[in-house]
Amino acid sequence: MSKQQKDTASGYTPTFTSSGSALRTLRTGKSNPNWQAAAEFLLERAAPDVRLLVEAATQIQMEKDGLKTDRRELAVRKKSFSLNLNLGWLQWLLIAAAGVGFIALLAWIAQNATLRAC
């Protein structure tokens, strides 16, 4: 009973006498103020396999939402570095032109340096 939520509007603490009544409350949806208490009641009495399934479903949903909290997987993700460049042909052309211009500038500087040394 300590895990069940208290309804703040009326001060009523819902108590369920059977799994059937908790399931009926749960099926009404999240609009029912006792929805969370019903879910907790059913989770407390669930078999270990069902708890494992709920935990796996929660983890899958967190992965889909990008809310990964497993530190081991975050560390693996940080270690692997992949540079993914999805550039168009015009961007590649501009990068190549900038590279050619930079090399031409270096050649011009080297040529002027050798002419002044002579």
PDB file of N, CA and C in Angstrom:
ATOM      1  N   MET A   1       0.805  -1.190   0.000  1.00  0.00           N
ATOM      2  CA  MET A   1       0.000   0.000   0.000  1.00  0.00           C
ATOM      3  C   MET A   1       0.854   1.262   0.000  1.00  0.00           C
ATOM      4  N   SER A   2       2.086   1.193   0.440  1.00  0.00           N
ATOM      5  CA  SER A   2       2.926   2.378   0.514  1.00  0.00           C
ATOM      6  C   SER A   2       3.306   2.898  -0.865  1.00  0.00           C
ATOM      7  N   LYS A   3       3.269   2.029  -1.880  1.00  0.00           N
ATOM      8  CA  LYS A   3       3.633   2.458  -3.230  1.00  0.00           C
ATOM      9  C   LYS A   3       2.455   3.055  -3.984  1.00  0.00           C
ATOM     10  N   GLN A   4       1.241   2.858  -3.496  1.00  0.00           N
ATOM     11  CA  GLN A   4       0.090   3.361  -4.223  1.00  0.00           C
ATOM     12  C   GLN A   4       0.024   4.879  -4.086  1.00  0.00           C
ATOM     13  N   GLN A   5      -0.380   5.528  -5.178  1.00  0.00           N
ATOM     14  CA  GLN A   5      -0.443   6.979  -5.217  1.00  0.00           C
ATOM     15  C   GLN A   5      -1.705   7.475  -4.534  1.00  0.00           C
ATOM     16  N   LYS A   6      -1.580   8.629  -3.928  1.00  0.00           N
ATOM     17  CA  LYS A   6      -2.704   9.236  -3.251  1.00  0.00           C
ATOM     18  C   LYS A   6      -3.316  10.291  -4.171  1.00  0.00           C
ATOM     19  N   ASP A   7      -4.613  10.296  -4.311  1.00  0.00           N
ATOM     20  CA  ASP A   7      -5.291  11.287  -5.137  1.00  0.00           C
ATOM     21  C   ASP A   7      -5.267  12.606  -4.372  1.00  0.00           C
ATOM     22  N   THR A   8      -4.624  13.630  -4.951  1.00  0.00           N
ATOM     23  CA  THR A   8      -4.432  14.889  -4.240  1.00  0.00           C
ATOM     24  C   THR A   8      -5.720  15.686  -4.108  1.00  0.00           C
ATOM     25  N   ALA A   9      -6.666  15.496  -5.004  1.00  0.00           N
ATOM     26  CA  ALA A   9      -7.891  16.282  -4.947  1.00  0.00           C
ATOM     27  C   ALA A   9      -8.773  15.878  -3.768  1.00  0.00           C
ATOM     28  N   SER A  10      -8.939  14.588  -3.526  1.00  0.00           N
ATOM     29  CA  SER A  10      -9.862  14.149  -2.480  1.00  0.00           C
ATOM     30  C   SER A  10      -9.167  13.498  -1.287  1.00  0.00           C
ATOM     31  N   GLY A  11      -7.890  13.220  -1.377  1.00  0.00           N
ATOM     32  CA  GLY A  11      -7.193  12.558  -0.286  1.00  0.00           C
ATOM     33  C   GLY A  11      -7.474  11.074  -0.236  1.00  0.00           C
ATOM     34  N   TYR A  12      -8.091  10.539  -1.262  1.00  0.00           N
ATOM     35  CA  TYR A  12      -8.470   9.129  -1.319  1.00  0.00           C
ATOM     36  C   TYR A  12      -7.298   8.287  -1.791  1.00  0.00           C
ATOM     37  N   THR A  13      -7.002   7.214  -1.056  1.00  0.00           N
ATOM     38  CA  THR A  13      -5.978   6.267  -1.463  1.00  0.00           C
ATOM     39  C   THR A  13      -6.678   5.040  -2.027  1.00  0.00           C
ATOM     40  N   PRO A  14      -6.530   4.796  -3.340  1.00  0.00           N
ATOM     41  CA  PRO A  14      -7.259   3.666  -3.926  1.00  0.00           C
ATOM     42  C   PRO A  14      -6.692   2.342  -3.451  1.00  0.00           C
ATOM     43  N   THR A  15      -7.582   1.415  -3.154  1.00  0.00           N
ATOM     44  CA  THR A  15      -7.186   0.054  -2.794  1.00  0.00           C
ATOM     45  C   THR A  15      -7.913  -0.895  -3.722  1.00  0.00           C
ATOM     46  N   PHE A  16      -7.193  -1.840  -4.237  1.00  0.00           N
ATOM     47  CA  PHE A  16      -7.765  -2.806  -5.156  1.00  0.00           C
ATOM     48  C   PHE A  16      -7.823  -4.148  -4.457  1.00  0.00           C
ATOM     49  N   THR A  17      -8.955  -4.794  -4.557  1.00  0.00           N
ATOM     50  CA  THR A  17      -9.132  -6.090  -3.897  1.00  0.00           C
ATOM     51  C   THR A  17      -8.787  -7.245  -4.826  1.00  0.00           C
ATOM     52  N   SER A  18      -8.772  -6.970  -6.132  1.00  0.00           N
ATOM     53  CA  SER A  18      -8.452  -8.042  -7.068  1.00  0.00           C
ATOM     54  C   SER A  18      -7.727  -7.466  -8.279  1.00  0.00           C
ATOM     55  N   SER A  19      -7.088  -8.370  -8.990  1.00  0.00           N
ATOM     56  CA  SER A  19      -6.407  -7.962 -10.208  1.00  0.00           C
ATOM     57  C   SER A  19      -7.416  -7.527 -11.259  1.00  0.00           C
ATOM     58  N   GLY A  20      -8.593  -8.099 -11.235  1.00  0.00           N
ATOM     59  CA  GLY A  20      -9.637  -7.735 -12.190  1.00  0.00           C
ATOM     60  C   GLY A  20     -10.049  -6.279 -12.063  1.00  0.00           C
ATOM     61  N   SER A  21     -10.229  -5.822 -10.823  1.00  0.00           N
ATOM     62  CA  SER A  21     -10.627  -4.418 -10.640  1.00  0.00           C
ATOM     63  C   SER A  21      -9.494  -3.478 -11.045  1.00  0.00           C
ATOM     64  N   ALA A  22      -8.257  -3.882 -10.770  1.00  0.00           N
ATOM     65  CA  ALA A  22      -7.116  -3.056 -11.179  1.00  0.00           C
ATOM     66  C   ALA A  22      -6.994  -3.024 -12.694  1.00  0.00           C
ATOM     67  N   LEU A  23      -7.257  -4.168 -13.354  1.00  0.00           N
ATOM     68  CA  LEU A  23      -7.214  -4.213 -14.817  1.00  0.00           C
ATOM     69  C   LEU A  23      -8.302  -3.343 -15.436  1.00  0.00           C
ATOM     70  N   ARG A  24      -9.517  -3.367 -14.845  1.00  0.00           N
ATOM     71  CA  ARG A  24     -10.586  -2.513 -15.366  1.00  0.00           C
ATOM     72  C   ARG A  24     -10.211  -1.045 -15.247  1.00  0.00           C
ATOM     73  N   THR A  25      -9.601  -0.666 -14.134  1.00  0.00           N
ATOM     74  CA  THR A  25      -9.160   0.710 -13.954  1.00  0.00           C
ATOM     75  C   THR A  25      -8.066   1.054 -14.956  1.00  0.00           C
ATOM     76  N   LEU A  26      -7.150   0.125 -15.170  1.00  0.00           N
ATOM     77  CA  LEU A  26      -6.048   0.350 -16.106  1.00  0.00           C
ATOM     78  C   LEU A  26      -6.561   0.489 -17.534  1.00  0.00           C
ATOM     79  N   ARG A  27      -7.588  -0.252 -17.891  1.00  0.00           N
ATOM     80  CA  ARG A  27      -8.133  -0.210 -19.259  1.00  0.00           C
ATOM     81  C   ARG A  27      -8.868   1.091 -19.551  1.00  0.00           C
ATOM     82  N   THR A  28      -9.299   1.800 -18.514  1.00  0.00           N
ATOM     83  CA  THR A  28      -9.995   3.066 -18.755  1.00  0.00           C
ATOM     84  C   THR A  28      -9.042   4.119 -19.299  1.00  0.00           C
ATOM     85  N   GLY A  29      -7.754   3.940 -19.070  1.00  0.00           N
ATOM     86  CA  GLY A  29      -6.766   4.861 -19.639  1.00  0.00           C
ATOM     87  C   GLY A  29      -6.161   5.788 -18.601  1.00  0.00           C
ATOM     88  N   LYS A  30      -5.265   6.620 -19.071  1.00  0.00           N
ATOM     89  CA  LYS A  30      -4.531   7.517 -18.184  1.00  0.00           C
ATOM     90  C   LYS A  30      -5.390   8.669 -17.662  1.00  0.00           C
ATOM     91  N   SER A  31      -6.560   8.845 -18.230  1.00  0.00           N
ATOM     92  CA  SER A  31      -7.440   9.908 -17.737  1.00  0.00           C
ATOM     93  C   SER A  31      -8.009   9.558 -16.357  1.00  0.00           C
ATOM     94  N   ASN A  32      -8.025   8.265 -16.012  1.00  0.00           N
ATOM     95  CA  ASN A  32      -8.508   7.837 -14.696  1.00  0.00           C
ATOM     96  C   ASN A  32      -7.457   8.209 -13.655  1.00  0.00           C
ATOM     97  N   PRO A  33      -7.862   8.886 -12.578  1.00  0.00           N
ATOM     98  CA  PRO A  33      -6.878   9.295 -11.559  1.00  0.00           C
ATOM     99  C   PRO A  33      -6.238   8.117 -10.818  1.00  0.00           C
ATOM    100  N   ASN A  34      -6.852   6.943 -10.869  1.00  0.00           N
ATOM    101  CA  ASN A  34      -6.309   5.768 -10.182  1.00  0.00           C
ATOM    102  C   ASN A  34      -5.491   4.880 -11.115  1.00  0.00           C
ATOM    103  N   TRP A  35      -5.202   5.357 -12.298  1.00  0.00           N
ATOM    104  CA  TRP A  35      -4.499   4.569 -13.309  1.00  0.00           C
ATOM    105  C   TRP A  35      -3.119   4.129 -12.815  1.00  0.00           C
ATOM    106  N   GLN A  36      -2.374   5.044 -12.236  1.00  0.00           N
ATOM    107  CA  GLN A  36      -1.020   4.709 -11.783  1.00  0.00           C
ATOM    108  C   GLN A  36      -1.063   3.743 -10.598  1.00  0.00           C
ATOM    109  N   ALA A  37      -1.998   3.933  -9.699  1.00  0.00           N
ATOM    110  CA  ALA A  37      -2.125   3.028  -8.555  1.00  0.00           C
ATOM    111  C   ALA A  37      -2.486   1.617  -9.021  1.00  0.00           C
ATOM    112  N   ALA A  38      -3.334   1.518 -10.039  1.00  0.00           N
ATOM    113  CA  ALA A  38      -3.705   0.207 -10.580  1.00  0.00           C
ATOM    114  C   ALA A  38      -2.498  -0.466 -11.225  1.00  0.00           C
ATOM    115  N   ALA A  39      -1.703   0.311 -11.951  1.00  0.00           N
ATOM    116  CA  ALA A  39      -0.509  -0.251 -12.592  1.00  0.00           C
ATOM    117  C   ALA A  39       0.477  -0.750 -11.541  1.00  0.00           C
ATOM    118  N   GLU A  40       0.669   0.012 -10.478  1.00  0.00           N
ATOM    119  CA  GLU A  40       1.581  -0.410  -9.416  1.00  0.00           C
ATOM    120  C   GLU A  40       1.059  -1.653  -8.701  1.00  0.00           C
ATOM    121  N   PHE A  41      -0.262  -1.722  -8.479  1.00  0.00           N
ATOM    122  CA  PHE A  41      -0.862  -2.892  -7.842  1.00  0.00           C
ATOM    123  C   PHE A  41      -0.587  -4.139  -8.672  1.00  0.00           C
ATOM    124  N   LEU A  42      -0.777  -4.036  -9.990  1.00  0.00           N
ATOM    125  CA  LEU A  42      -0.557  -5.190 -10.860  1.00  0.00           C
ATOM    126  C   LEU A  42       0.927  -5.552 -10.959  1.00  0.00           C
ATOM    127  N   LEU A  43       1.810  -4.563 -10.975  1.00  0.00           N
ATOM    128  CA  LEU A  43       3.247  -4.858 -11.041  1.00  0.00           C
ATOM    129  C   LEU A  43       3.753  -5.536  -9.769  1.00  0.00           C
ATOM    130  N   GLU A  44       3.187  -5.155  -8.617  1.00  0.00           N
ATOM    131  CA  GLU A  44       3.596  -5.783  -7.361  1.00  0.00           C
ATOM    132  C   GLU A  44       3.242  -7.264  -7.333  1.00  0.00           C
ATOM    133  N   ARG A  45       2.145  -7.632  -7.993  1.00  0.00           N
ATOM    134  CA  ARG A  45       1.680  -9.011  -7.970  1.00  0.00           C
ATOM    135  C   ARG A  45       2.023  -9.791  -9.236  1.00  0.00           C
ATOM    136  N   ALA A  46       2.790  -9.186 -10.117  1.00  0.00           N
ATOM    137  CA  ALA A  46       3.131  -9.838 -11.393  1.00  0.00           C
ATOM    138  C   ALA A  46       4.204 -10.902 -11.182  1.00  0.00           C
ATOM    139  N   ALA A  47       4.197 -11.854 -12.081  1.00  0.00           N
ATOM    140  CA  ALA A  47       5.212 -12.909 -12.066  1.00  0.00           C
ATOM    141  C   ALA A  47       6.556 -12.316 -12.501  1.00  0.00           C
ATOM    142  N   PRO A  48       7.663 -12.955 -12.107  1.00  0.00           N
ATOM    143  CA  PRO A  48       8.981 -12.433 -12.480  1.00  0.00           C
ATOM    144  C   PRO A  48       9.171 -12.296 -13.992  1.00  0.00           C
ATOM    145  N   ASP A  49       8.587 -13.201 -14.766  1.00  0.00           N
ATOM    146  CA  ASP A  49       8.700 -13.112 -16.224  1.00  0.00           C
ATOM    147  C   ASP A  49       7.996 -11.870 -16.759  1.00  0.00           C
ATOM    148  N   VAL A  50       6.853 -11.562 -16.180  1.00  0.00           N
ATOM    149  CA  VAL A  50       6.106 -10.378 -16.613  1.00  0.00           C
ATOM    150  C   VAL A  50       6.879  -9.117 -16.253  1.00  0.00           C
ATOM    151  N   ARG A  51       7.473  -9.080 -15.074  1.00  0.00           N
ATOM    152  CA  ARG A  51       8.286  -7.921 -14.672  1.00  0.00           C
ATOM    153  C   ARG A  51       9.465  -7.737 -15.613  1.00  0.00           C
ATOM    154  N   LEU A  52      10.093  -8.849 -15.995  1.00  0.00           N
ATOM    155  CA  LEU A  52      11.206  -8.793 -16.933  1.00  0.00           C
ATOM    156  C   LEU A  52      10.752  -8.260 -18.287  1.00  0.00           C
ATOM    157  N   LEU A  53       9.587  -8.679 -18.726  1.00  0.00           N
ATOM    158  CA  LEU A  53       9.035  -8.210 -19.991  1.00  0.00           C
ATOM    159  C   LEU A  53       8.730  -6.711 -19.939  1.00  0.00           C
ATOM    160  N   VAL A  54       8.173  -6.250 -18.835  1.00  0.00           N
ATOM    161  CA  VAL A  54       7.879  -4.821 -18.685  1.00  0.00           C
ATOM    162  C   VAL A  54       9.171  -4.012 -18.676  1.00  0.00           C
ATOM    163  N   GLU A  55      10.190  -4.525 -17.990  1.00  0.00           N
ATOM    164  CA  GLU A  55      11.484  -3.839 -17.953  1.00  0.00           C
ATOM    165  C   GLU A  55      12.115  -3.781 -19.343  1.00  0.00           C
ATOM    166  N   ALA A  56      12.024  -4.861 -20.095  1.00  0.00           N
ATOM    167  CA  ALA A  56      12.571  -4.878 -21.454  1.00  0.00           C
ATOM    168  C   ALA A  56      11.806  -3.908 -22.353  1.00  0.00           C
ATOM    169  N   ALA A  57      10.489  -3.880 -22.225  1.00  0.00           N
ATOM    170  CA  ALA A  57       9.689  -2.958 -23.040  1.00  0.00           C
ATOM    171  C   ALA A  57      10.030  -1.504 -22.715  1.00  0.00           C
ATOM    172  N   THR A  58      10.252  -1.219 -21.447  1.00  0.00           N
ATOM    173  CA  THR A  58      10.634   0.128 -21.046  1.00  0.00           C
ATOM    174  C   THR A  58      11.984   0.505 -21.627  1.00  0.00           C
ATOM    175  N   GLN A  59      12.941  -0.422 -21.589  1.00  0.00           N
ATOM    176  CA  GLN A  59      14.273  -0.173 -22.133  1.00  0.00           C
ATOM    177  C   GLN A  59      14.209   0.061 -23.643  1.00  0.00           C
ATOM    178  N   ILE A  60      13.409  -0.734 -24.338  1.00  0.00           N
ATOM    179  CA  ILE A  60      13.261  -0.563 -25.787  1.00  0.00           C
ATOM    180  C   ILE A  60      12.655   0.799 -26.103  1.00  0.00           C
ATOM    181  N   GLN A  61      11.658   1.194 -25.339  1.00  0.00           N
ATOM    182  CA  GLN A  61      11.035   2.492 -25.569  1.00  0.00           C
ATOM    183  C   GLN A  61      12.021   3.622 -25.300  1.00  0.00           C
ATOM    184  N   MET A  62      12.849   3.486 -24.268  1.00  0.00           N
ATOM    185  CA  MET A  62      13.851   4.509 -23.968  1.00  0.00           C
ATOM    186  C   MET A  62      14.875   4.606 -25.095  1.00  0.00           C
ATOM    187  N   GLU A  63      15.250   3.470 -25.674  1.00  0.00           N
ATOM    188  CA  GLU A  63      16.186   3.485 -26.795  1.00  0.00           C
ATOM    189  C   GLU A  63      15.571   4.173 -28.001  1.00  0.00           C
ATOM    190  N   LYS A  64      14.309   3.920 -28.237  1.00  0.00           N
ATOM    191  CA  LYS A  64      13.631   4.564 -29.361  1.00  0.00           C
ATOM    192  C   LYS A  64      13.532   6.059 -29.162  1.00  0.00           C
ATOM    193  N   ASP A  65      13.332   6.479 -27.928  1.00  0.00           N
ATOM    194  CA  ASP A  65      13.201   7.902 -27.625  1.00  0.00           C
ATOM    195  C   ASP A  65      14.556   8.585 -27.479  1.00  0.00           C
ATOM    196  N   GLY A  66      15.634   7.829 -27.505  1.00  0.00           N
ATOM    197  CA  GLY A  66      16.955   8.423 -27.362  1.00  0.00           C
ATOM    198  C   GLY A  66      17.295   8.805 -25.941  1.00  0.00           C
ATOM    199  N   LEU A  67      16.681   8.163 -24.987  1.00  0.00           N
ATOM    200  CA  LEU A  67      16.922   8.478 -23.581  1.00  0.00           C
ATOM    201  C   LEU A  67      17.752   7.392 -22.917  1.00  0.00           C
ATOM    202  N   LYS A  68      18.734   6.906 -23.619  1.00  0.00           N
ATOM    203  CA  LYS A  68      19.570   5.817 -23.125  1.00  0.00           C
ATOM    204  C   LYS A  68      20.282   6.257 -21.840  1.00  0.00           C
ATOM    205  N   THR A  69      20.166   5.453 -20.778  1.00  0.00           N
ATOM    206  CA  THR A  69      20.802   5.805 -19.520  1.00  0.00           C
ATOM    207  C   THR A  69      21.852   4.789 -19.091  1.00  0.00           C
ATOM    208  N   ASP A  70      22.030   3.756 -19.882  1.00  0.00           N
ATOM    209  CA  ASP A  70      23.016   2.749 -19.535  1.00  0.00           C
ATOM    210  C   ASP A  70      24.411   3.313 -19.777  1.00  0.00           C
ATOM    211  N   ARG A  71      25.205   3.465 -18.731  1.00  0.00           N
ATOM    212  CA  ARG A  71      26.512   4.116 -18.848  1.00  0.00           C
ATOM    213  C   ARG A  71      27.486   3.301 -19.692  1.00  0.00           C
ATOM    214  N   ARG A  72      27.380   1.989 -19.632  1.00  0.00           N
ATOM    215  CA  ARG A  72      28.284   1.161 -20.435  1.00  0.00           C
ATOM    216  C   ARG A  72      28.069   1.414 -21.915  1.00  0.00           C
ATOM    217  N   GLU A  73      26.821   1.491 -22.328  1.00  0.00           N
ATOM    218  CA  GLU A  73      26.538   1.721 -23.737  1.00  0.00           C
ATOM    219  C   GLU A  73      26.889   3.137 -24.147  1.00  0.00           C
ATOM    220  N   LEU A  74      26.765   4.106 -23.229  1.00  0.00           N
ATOM    221  CA  LEU A  74      27.179   5.461 -23.548  1.00  0.00           C
ATOM    222  C   LEU A  74      28.686   5.535 -23.729  1.00  0.00           C
ATOM    223  N   ALA A  75      29.435   4.777 -22.900  1.00  0.00           N
ATOM    224  CA  ALA A  75      30.882   4.771 -23.029  1.00  0.00           C
ATOM    225  C   ALA A  75      31.302   4.156 -24.356  1.00  0.00           C
ATOM    226  N   VAL A  76      30.632   3.100 -24.769  1.00  0.00           N
ATOM    227  CA  VAL A  76      30.929   2.480 -26.057  1.00  0.00           C
ATOM    228  C   VAL A  76      30.600   3.454 -27.184  1.00  0.00           C
ATOM    229  N   ARG A  77      29.508   4.166 -27.045  1.00  0.00           N
ATOM    230  CA  ARG A  77      29.105   5.108 -28.067  1.00  0.00           C
ATOM    231  C   ARG A  77      30.108   6.254 -28.172  1.00  0.00           C
ATOM    232  N   LYS A  78      30.687   6.683 -27.046  1.00  0.00           N
ATOM    233  CA  LYS A  78      31.661   7.769 -27.064  1.00  0.00           C
ATOM    234  C   LYS A  78      32.981   7.323 -27.680  1.00  0.00           C
ATOM    235  N   LYS A  79      33.353   6.063 -27.467  1.00  0.00           N
ATOM    236  CA  LYS A  79      34.635   5.576 -27.970  1.00  0.00           C
ATOM    237  C   LYS A  79      34.630   5.438 -29.486  1.00  0.00           C
ATOM    238  N   SER A  80      33.522   5.031 -30.044  1.00  0.00           N
ATOM    239  CA  SER A  80      33.470   4.832 -31.492  1.00  0.00           C
ATOM    240  C   SER A  80      33.187   6.171 -32.166  1.00  0.00           C
ATOM    241  N   PHE A  81      34.121   6.597 -33.012  1.00  0.00           N
ATOM    242  CA  PHE A  81      33.986   7.865 -33.713  1.00  0.00           C
ATOM    243  C   PHE A  81      33.801   7.588 -35.189  1.00  0.00           C
ATOM    244  N   SER A  82      32.736   8.073 -35.722  1.00  0.00           N
ATOM    245  CA  SER A  82      32.517   7.908 -37.153  1.00  0.00           C
ATOM    246  C   SER A  82      32.148   9.264 -37.733  1.00  0.00           C
ATOM    247  N   LEU A  83      32.872   9.654 -38.752  1.00  0.00           N
ATOM    248  CA  LEU A  83      32.625  10.912 -39.430  1.00  0.00           C
ATOM    249  C   LEU A  83      31.740  10.627 -40.632  1.00  0.00           C
ATOM    250  N   ASN A  84      30.562  11.129 -40.592  1.00  0.00           N
ATOM    251  CA  ASN A  84      29.593  10.850 -41.642  1.00  0.00           C
ATOM    252  C   ASN A  84      29.323  12.140 -42.400  1.00  0.00           C
ATOM    253  N   LEU A  85      29.949  12.288 -43.578  1.00  0.00           N
ATOM    254  CA  LEU A  85      29.766  13.486 -44.384  1.00  0.00           C
ATOM    255  C   LEU A  85      28.794  13.203 -45.518  1.00  0.00           C
ATOM    256  N   ASN A  86      27.663  13.826 -45.447  1.00  0.00           N
ATOM    257  CA  ASN A  86      26.673  13.704 -46.510  1.00  0.00           C
ATOM    258  C   ASN A  86      26.608  15.038 -47.240  1.00  0.00           C
ATOM    259  N   LEU A  87      27.618  15.301 -48.047  1.00  0.00           N
ATOM    260  CA  LEU A  87      27.684  16.563 -48.760  1.00  0.00           C
ATOM    261  C   LEU A  87      27.242  16.383 -50.201  1.00  0.00           C
ATOM    262  N   GLY A  88      26.678  17.438 -50.769  1.00  0.00           N
ATOM    263  CA  GLY A  88      26.268  17.413 -52.160  1.00  0.00           C
ATOM    264  C   GLY A  88      27.466  17.673 -53.079  1.00  0.00           C
ATOM    265  N   TRP A  89      27.250  17.533 -54.388  1.00  0.00           N
ATOM    266  CA  TRP A  89      28.349  17.674 -55.347  1.00  0.00           C
ATOM    267  C   TRP A  89      28.861  19.113 -55.380  1.00  0.00           C
ATOM    268  N   LEU A  90      28.006  20.094 -55.179  1.00  0.00           N
ATOM    269  CA  LEU A  90      28.448  21.492 -55.191  1.00  0.00           C
ATOM    270  C   LEU A  90      29.327  21.793 -53.977  1.00  0.00           C
ATOM    271  N   GLN A  91      28.980  21.220 -52.839  1.00  0.00           N
ATOM    272  CA  GLN A  91      29.806  21.410 -51.650  1.00  0.00           C
ATOM    273  C   GLN A  91      31.173  20.763 -51.825  1.00  0.00           C
ATOM    274  N   TRP A  92      31.215  19.572 -52.430  1.00  0.00           N
ATOM    275  CA  TRP A  92      32.501  18.927 -52.688  1.00  0.00           C
ATOM    276  C   TRP A  92      33.330  19.757 -53.670  1.00  0.00           C
ATOM    277  N   LEU A  93      32.678  20.347 -54.655  1.00  0.00           N
ATOM    278  CA  LEU A  93      33.374  21.187 -55.626  1.00  0.00           C
ATOM    279  C   LEU A  93      33.979  22.416 -54.945  1.00  0.00           C
ATOM    280  N   LEU A  94      33.235  23.032 -54.029  1.00  0.00           N
ATOM    281  CA  LEU A  94      33.754  24.176 -53.288  1.00  0.00           C
ATOM    282  C   LEU A  94      34.922  23.794 -52.381  1.00  0.00           C
ATOM    283  N   ILE A  95      34.842  22.647 -51.766  1.00  0.00           N
ATOM    284  CA  ILE A  95      35.940  22.173 -50.917  1.00  0.00           C
ATOM    285  C   ILE A  95      37.186  21.919 -51.760  1.00  0.00           C
ATOM    286  N   ALA A  96      37.014  21.306 -52.930  1.00  0.00           N
ATOM    287  CA  ALA A  96      38.149  21.046 -53.816  1.00  0.00           C
ATOM    288  C   ALA A  96      38.761  22.356 -54.309  1.00  0.00           C
ATOM    289  N   ALA A  97      37.928  23.328 -54.661  1.00  0.00           N
ATOM    290  CA  ALA A  97      38.436  24.628 -55.117  1.00  0.00           C
ATOM    291  C   ALA A  97      39.204  25.333 -54.007  1.00  0.00           C
ATOM    292  N   ALA A  98      38.708  25.253 -52.770  1.00  0.00           N
ATOM    293  CA  ALA A  98      39.418  25.861 -51.642  1.00  0.00           C
ATOM    294  C   ALA A  98      40.760  25.169 -51.428  1.00  0.00           C
ATOM    295  N   GLY A  99      40.797  23.861 -51.585  1.00  0.00           N
ATOM    296  CA  GLY A  99      42.059  23.126 -51.442  1.00  0.00           C
ATOM    297  C   GLY A  99      43.065  23.503 -52.513  1.00  0.00           C
ATOM    298  N   VAL A 100      42.609  23.597 -53.751  1.00  0.00           N
ATOM    299  CA  VAL A 100      43.501  23.996 -54.848  1.00  0.00           C
ATOM    300  C   VAL A 100      43.998  25.418 -54.626  1.00  0.00           C
ATOM    301  N   GLY A 101      43.113  26.301 -54.171  1.00  0.00           N
ATOM    302  CA  GLY A 101      43.521  27.683 -53.888  1.00  0.00           C
ATOM    303  C   GLY A 101      44.555  27.763 -52.779  1.00  0.00           C
ATOM    304  N   PHE A 102      44.378  26.954 -51.744  1.00  0.00           N
ATOM    305  CA  PHE A 102      45.343  26.939 -50.639  1.00  0.00           C
ATOM    306  C   PHE A 102      46.705  26.433 -51.101  1.00  0.00           C
ATOM    307  N   ILE A 103      46.711  25.385 -51.912  1.00  0.00           N
ATOM    308  CA  ILE A 103      47.981  24.845 -52.433  1.00  0.00           C
ATOM    309  C   ILE A 103      48.649  25.873 -53.348  1.00  0.00           C
ATOM    310  N   ALA A 104      47.855  26.576 -54.174  1.00  0.00           N
ATOM    311  CA  ALA A 104      48.422  27.620 -55.045  1.00  0.00           C
ATOM    312  C   ALA A 104      49.008  28.751 -54.214  1.00  0.00           C
ATOM    313  N   LEU A 105      48.362  29.114 -53.132  1.00  0.00           N
ATOM    314  CA  LEU A 105      48.893  30.159 -52.249  1.00  0.00           C
ATOM    315  C   LEU A 105      50.212  29.729 -51.633  1.00  0.00           C
ATOM    316  N   LEU A 106      50.302  28.482 -51.186  1.00  0.00           N
ATOM    317  CA  LEU A 106      51.561  27.977 -50.618  1.00  0.00           C
ATOM    318  C   LEU A 106      52.670  27.961 -51.663  1.00  0.00           C
ATOM    319  N   ALA A 107      52.343  27.579 -52.892  1.00  0.00           N
ATOM    320  CA  ALA A 107      53.344  27.570 -53.961  1.00  0.00           C
ATOM    321  C   ALA A 107      53.798  28.986 -54.274  1.00  0.00           C
ATOM    322  N   TRP A 108      52.893  29.943 -54.293  1.00  0.00           N
ATOM    323  CA  TRP A 108      53.248  31.337 -54.546  1.00  0.00           C
ATOM    324  C   TRP A 108      54.157  31.891 -53.452  1.00  0.00           C
ATOM    325  N   ILE A 109      53.852  31.555 -52.186  1.00  0.00           N
ATOM    326  CA  ILE A 109      54.683  32.001 -51.066  1.00  0.00           C
ATOM    327  C   ILE A 109      56.080  31.395 -51.184  1.00  0.00           C
ATOM    328  N   ALA A 110      56.156  30.120 -51.497  1.00  0.00           N
ATOM    329  CA  ALA A 110      57.457  29.456 -51.646  1.00  0.00           C
ATOM    330  C   ALA A 110      58.236  30.066 -52.807  1.00  0.00           C
ATOM    331  N   GLN A 111      57.586  30.374 -53.920  1.00  0.00           N
ATOM    332  CA  GLN A 111      58.256  30.960 -55.079  1.00  0.00           C
ATOM    333  C   GLN A 111      58.783  32.352 -54.747  1.00  0.00           C
ATOM    334  N   ASN A 112      57.996  33.181 -54.072  1.00  0.00           N
ATOM    335  CA  ASN A 112      58.468  34.516 -53.681  1.00  0.00           C
ATOM    336  C   ASN A 112      59.593  34.439 -52.661  1.00  0.00           C
ATOM    337  N   ALA A 113      59.557  33.470 -51.782  1.00  0.00           N
ATOM    338  CA  ALA A 113      60.624  33.322 -50.798  1.00  0.00           C
ATOM    339  C   ALA A 113      61.933  32.937 -51.481  1.00  0.00           C
ATOM    340  N   THR A 114      61.879  32.080 -52.499  1.00  0.00           N
ATOM    341  CA  THR A 114      63.112  31.706 -53.198  1.00  0.00           C
ATOM    342  C   THR A 114      63.611  32.845 -54.077  1.00  0.00           C
ATOM    343  N   LEU A 115      62.727  33.669 -54.650  1.00  0.00           N
ATOM    344  CA  LEU A 115      63.172  34.793 -55.478  1.00  0.00           C
ATOM    345  C   LEU A 115      63.852  35.870 -54.630  1.00  0.00           C
ATOM    346  N   ARG A 116      63.364  36.110 -53.433  1.00  0.00           N
ATOM    347  CA  ARG A 116      63.968  37.112 -52.554  1.00  0.00           C
ATOM    348  C   ARG A 116      65.290  36.620 -51.976  1.00  0.00           C
ATOM    349  N   ALA A 117      65.433  35.331 -51.846  1.00  0.00           N
ATOM    350  CA  ALA A 117      66.688  34.785 -51.285  1.00  0.00           C
ATOM    351  C   ALA A 117      67.806  34.908 -52.312  1.00  0.00           C
ATOM    352  N   CYS A 118      67.489  34.902 -53.601  1.00  0.00           N
ATOM    353  CA  CYS A 118      68.505  34.988 -54.624  1.00  0.00           C
ATOM    354  C   CYS A 118      69.016  36.366 -54.857  1.00  0.00           C
TER     355      CYS A 118
END
